[in-house]
Protein backbone atom coordinates (compact mmCIF):
# COMPACT_ATOMS: atom_id res chain seq x y z
CA MET A 1 173.31 189.19 90.78
CA SER A 2 173.58 189.89 87.44
CA GLY A 3 176.18 187.85 84.91
CA TYR A 4 177.94 191.45 84.54
CA PRO A 5 181.17 191.96 86.56
CA GLN A 6 180.91 194.62 89.20
CA GLN A 7 182.77 198.12 87.80
CA GLN A 8 183.87 200.39 90.13
CA PRO A 9 182.79 203.91 90.02
CA PRO A 10 185.63 206.10 88.25
CA ALA A 11 187.68 207.63 90.83
CA PRO A 12 187.26 211.36 91.37
CA LYS A 13 190.00 213.58 89.36
CA PRO A 14 191.61 215.62 91.60
CA GLY A 15 190.95 219.11 91.60
CA MET A 16 188.99 222.01 93.56
CA SER A 17 186.54 220.63 96.44
CA THR A 18 182.86 221.67 96.31
CA GLY A 19 183.57 224.22 98.90
CA LYS A 20 185.83 226.15 97.06
CA LYS A 21 183.45 226.04 94.22
CA ILE A 22 180.62 227.31 95.94
CA ALA A 23 183.04 230.33 97.69
CA LEU A 24 184.38 231.51 94.22
CA GLY A 25 180.87 230.60 92.40
CA CYS A 26 179.36 233.29 95.00
CA GLY A 27 182.34 235.58 96.22
CA ILE A 28 183.09 236.84 93.02
CA PRO A 29 179.61 238.31 92.23
CA ALA A 30 179.34 239.15 95.78
CA ALA A 31 182.26 241.10 95.28
CA LEU A 32 181.51 242.76 92.13
CA GLY A 33 177.82 243.88 93.43
CA LEU A 34 179.49 245.66 96.40
CA LEU A 35 181.66 247.12 93.81
CA VAL A 36 178.93 248.29 91.84
CA LEU A 37 177.20 249.29 95.06
CA GLY A 38 179.99 251.60 96.47
CA GLY A 39 180.12 253.89 93.00
CA CYS A 40 176.18 254.10 92.89
CA THR A 41 176.49 255.43 96.22
CA LEU A 42 179.25 257.81 95.61
CA VAL A 43 177.53 258.86 92.35
CA VAL A 44 174.03 259.96 94.09
CA GLY A 45 175.89 261.36 97.19
CA LYS A 46 177.59 263.91 94.49
CA ALA A 47 174.46 264.46 92.99
CA ALA A 48 172.67 265.32 96.33
CA GLU A 49 175.49 267.29 97.30
CA GLU A 50 175.11 269.41 94.18
CA VAL A 51 171.18 269.63 94.42
CA GLY A 52 171.82 271.23 98.09
CA LYS A 53 173.97 273.48 97.13
CA GLU A 54 171.34 274.53 94.53
CA LEU A 55 168.74 274.86 96.82
CA ASP A 56 170.73 276.64 99.52
CA LYS A 57 171.07 279.50 96.78
CA SER A 58 167.20 280.24 96.45
CA TYR A 59 166.39 280.01 100.14
CA ASP A 60 166.53 283.03 102.25
CA SER A 61 166.04 283.82 105.81
CA ALA A 62 166.60 286.76 108.23
CA GLN A 63 165.63 287.44 112.01
CA VAL A 64 164.77 290.66 113.31
CA ASN A 65 166.47 292.21 116.52
CA PRO A 66 163.36 292.04 119.06
CA SER A 67 165.17 294.90 120.99
CA ASP A 68 165.35 297.58 117.89
CA GLY A 69 163.37 296.06 115.02
CA THR A 70 166.26 296.04 113.05
CA SER A 71 167.54 292.82 110.74
CA ALA A 72 169.92 290.45 112.47
CA GLY A 73 170.99 289.23 109.71
CA GLY A 74 170.92 286.47 107.15
CA LYS A 75 173.35 285.34 104.48
CA SER A 76 176.22 287.66 104.59
CA GLY A 77 176.29 289.95 101.25
CA GLN A 78 172.52 289.20 100.65
CA PRO A 79 169.38 292.01 100.69
CA ASP A 80 167.67 292.45 104.21
CA ILE A 81 164.90 290.25 103.09
CA THR A 82 163.22 291.51 106.67
CA LYS A 83 162.50 294.75 104.92
CA ASP A 84 160.06 292.75 102.43
CA VAL A 85 157.27 292.24 105.38
CA LYS A 86 155.63 294.86 107.04
CA VAL A 87 152.55 294.93 109.59
CA THR A 88 150.45 297.58 108.49
CA SER A 89 147.05 296.67 110.83
CA CYS A 90 147.06 294.79 114.31
CA ALA A 91 143.57 295.83 116.25
CA VAL A 92 141.18 293.99 117.46
CA LYS A 93 137.77 294.68 115.64
CA THR A 94 133.73 293.46 115.57
CA GLY A 95 133.50 291.02 112.79
CA ASP A 96 129.89 289.54 111.76
CA PHE A 97 127.71 288.27 114.22
CA ASP A 98 128.98 291.00 116.74
CA MET A 99 131.96 288.44 117.43
CA LYS A 100 135.79 290.16 118.27
CA GLU A 101 138.23 289.33 115.54
CA LEU A 102 141.85 290.05 115.75
CA GLU A 103 143.02 291.90 112.38
CA VAL A 104 146.13 292.00 111.36
CA LYS A 105 147.36 292.82 108.01
CA VAL A 106 151.00 291.95 106.80
CA ASP A 107 152.11 293.78 103.20
CA TYR A 108 154.65 291.92 100.93
CA VAL A 109 156.68 293.36 97.96
CA ASN A 110 159.27 291.07 96.19
CA SER A 111 162.41 293.31 96.39
CA GLY A 112 164.46 289.96 94.72
CA ASP A 113 165.13 289.22 90.82
CA ARG A 114 163.07 286.19 90.59
CA ARG A 115 159.90 284.59 91.92
CA TYR A 116 159.80 284.34 95.66
CA SER A 117 157.29 282.42 98.35
CA TYR A 118 157.65 284.32 101.63
CA LEU A 119 156.79 283.38 105.21
CA ALA A 120 156.98 285.40 107.86
CA GLU A 121 157.00 284.60 111.22
CA GLY A 122 155.60 286.56 114.61
CA GLU A 123 154.08 287.14 117.74
CA VAL A 124 151.07 288.99 119.26
CA LEU A 125 151.34 290.99 122.31
CA VAL A 126 148.91 292.36 124.78
CA ASN A 127 150.15 294.58 126.99
CA GLY A 128 153.88 293.54 126.46
CA GLU A 129 153.41 289.91 127.03
CA LYS A 130 153.51 287.47 123.97
CA LYS A 131 149.60 285.66 123.47
CA GLU A 132 149.80 283.99 120.23
CA ASP A 133 151.98 283.48 117.39
CA LEU A 134 151.50 285.22 114.28
CA LEU A 135 152.16 283.12 110.69
CA SER A 136 151.72 284.74 107.44
CA THR A 137 152.55 283.58 104.45
CA ALA A 138 152.66 285.33 100.21
CA GLN A 139 153.25 282.64 97.31
CA ASN A 140 154.82 283.05 94.16
CA LEU A 141 155.61 286.64 93.82
CA ALA A 142 157.14 288.33 90.64
CA PRO A 143 159.55 290.65 90.80
CA GLY A 144 158.09 293.87 92.42
CA GLN A 145 155.04 292.45 93.09
CA LYS A 146 152.76 293.38 96.20
CA TYR A 147 150.47 291.47 97.92
CA THR A 148 148.40 291.80 101.28
CA ASP A 149 147.85 289.14 103.55
CA ASP A 150 144.14 290.24 105.23
CA SER A 151 143.93 287.01 107.27
CA ALA A 152 147.27 287.14 108.82
CA GLY A 153 145.58 287.51 112.22
CA ALA A 154 143.28 284.32 112.28
CA LEU A 155 145.59 282.88 114.93
CA GLY A 156 144.64 285.29 117.39
CA PHE A 157 140.93 284.07 117.75
CA ASN A 158 141.62 283.87 121.49
CA VAL A 159 143.54 287.39 121.79
CA ALA A 160 140.58 288.79 120.36
CA LYS A 161 137.76 287.27 122.55
CA ALA A 162 139.96 288.22 125.94
CA ALA A 163 141.31 291.79 124.71
CA LYS A 164 139.94 294.48 126.80
CA PRO A 165 138.99 297.88 125.52
CA GLY A 166 141.63 299.84 127.39
CA ASP A 167 144.86 296.62 126.00
CA LYS A 168 147.61 297.87 124.15
CA ILE A 169 148.05 294.95 121.04
CA GLU A 170 151.06 294.66 119.09
CA CYS A 171 152.16 292.36 116.11
CA LYS A 172 155.54 292.16 115.20
CA ILE A 173 157.47 289.93 113.17
CA LEU A 174 160.84 287.95 114.60
CA LYS A 175 161.75 285.97 111.54
CA VAL A 176 161.00 285.97 107.36
CA SER A 177 162.06 282.99 105.20
CA ARG A 178 161.90 283.28 101.48
CA ASN A 179 162.10 280.14 98.31
CA ALA A 180 162.53 280.69 94.89
CA LEU A 181 160.52 278.83 92.71
């Protein structure tokens, strides 16, 4: 041993325990983090709600009554957008290479006050029985602008292939949707 007298380490000062120091050191930042996170969630939620309301203003949809072909409605007070879309041709014809094709033409007229894109959904009936779906679109139409979708019958190749000379072919629009740009 050395010649120096042994000294006792100083006694710890009374105060907070290590566990309490750790709890306060982590707890305060965690509580502040949760407070900031909650505030951000409220702000983002309110902004998303406002964006949703704005998107609702730029979207219209209307369905057609299957029984009489009149509009079954959309949003109250809104114009009947089913009148913007009309099937002008629905027949089986012989196309290139003597293959049967379903010729469906859908005319669009934008009756709105701004640019819209349209989606028309319907069905192809053979002798009163549904055989295929009908889908047609018109993109970015200015107010009053007209457009004809000449290839709306692209999904009906099976109808054309199976069609017989005496078959009655009908094309009906069931739902029209439009989105403002």
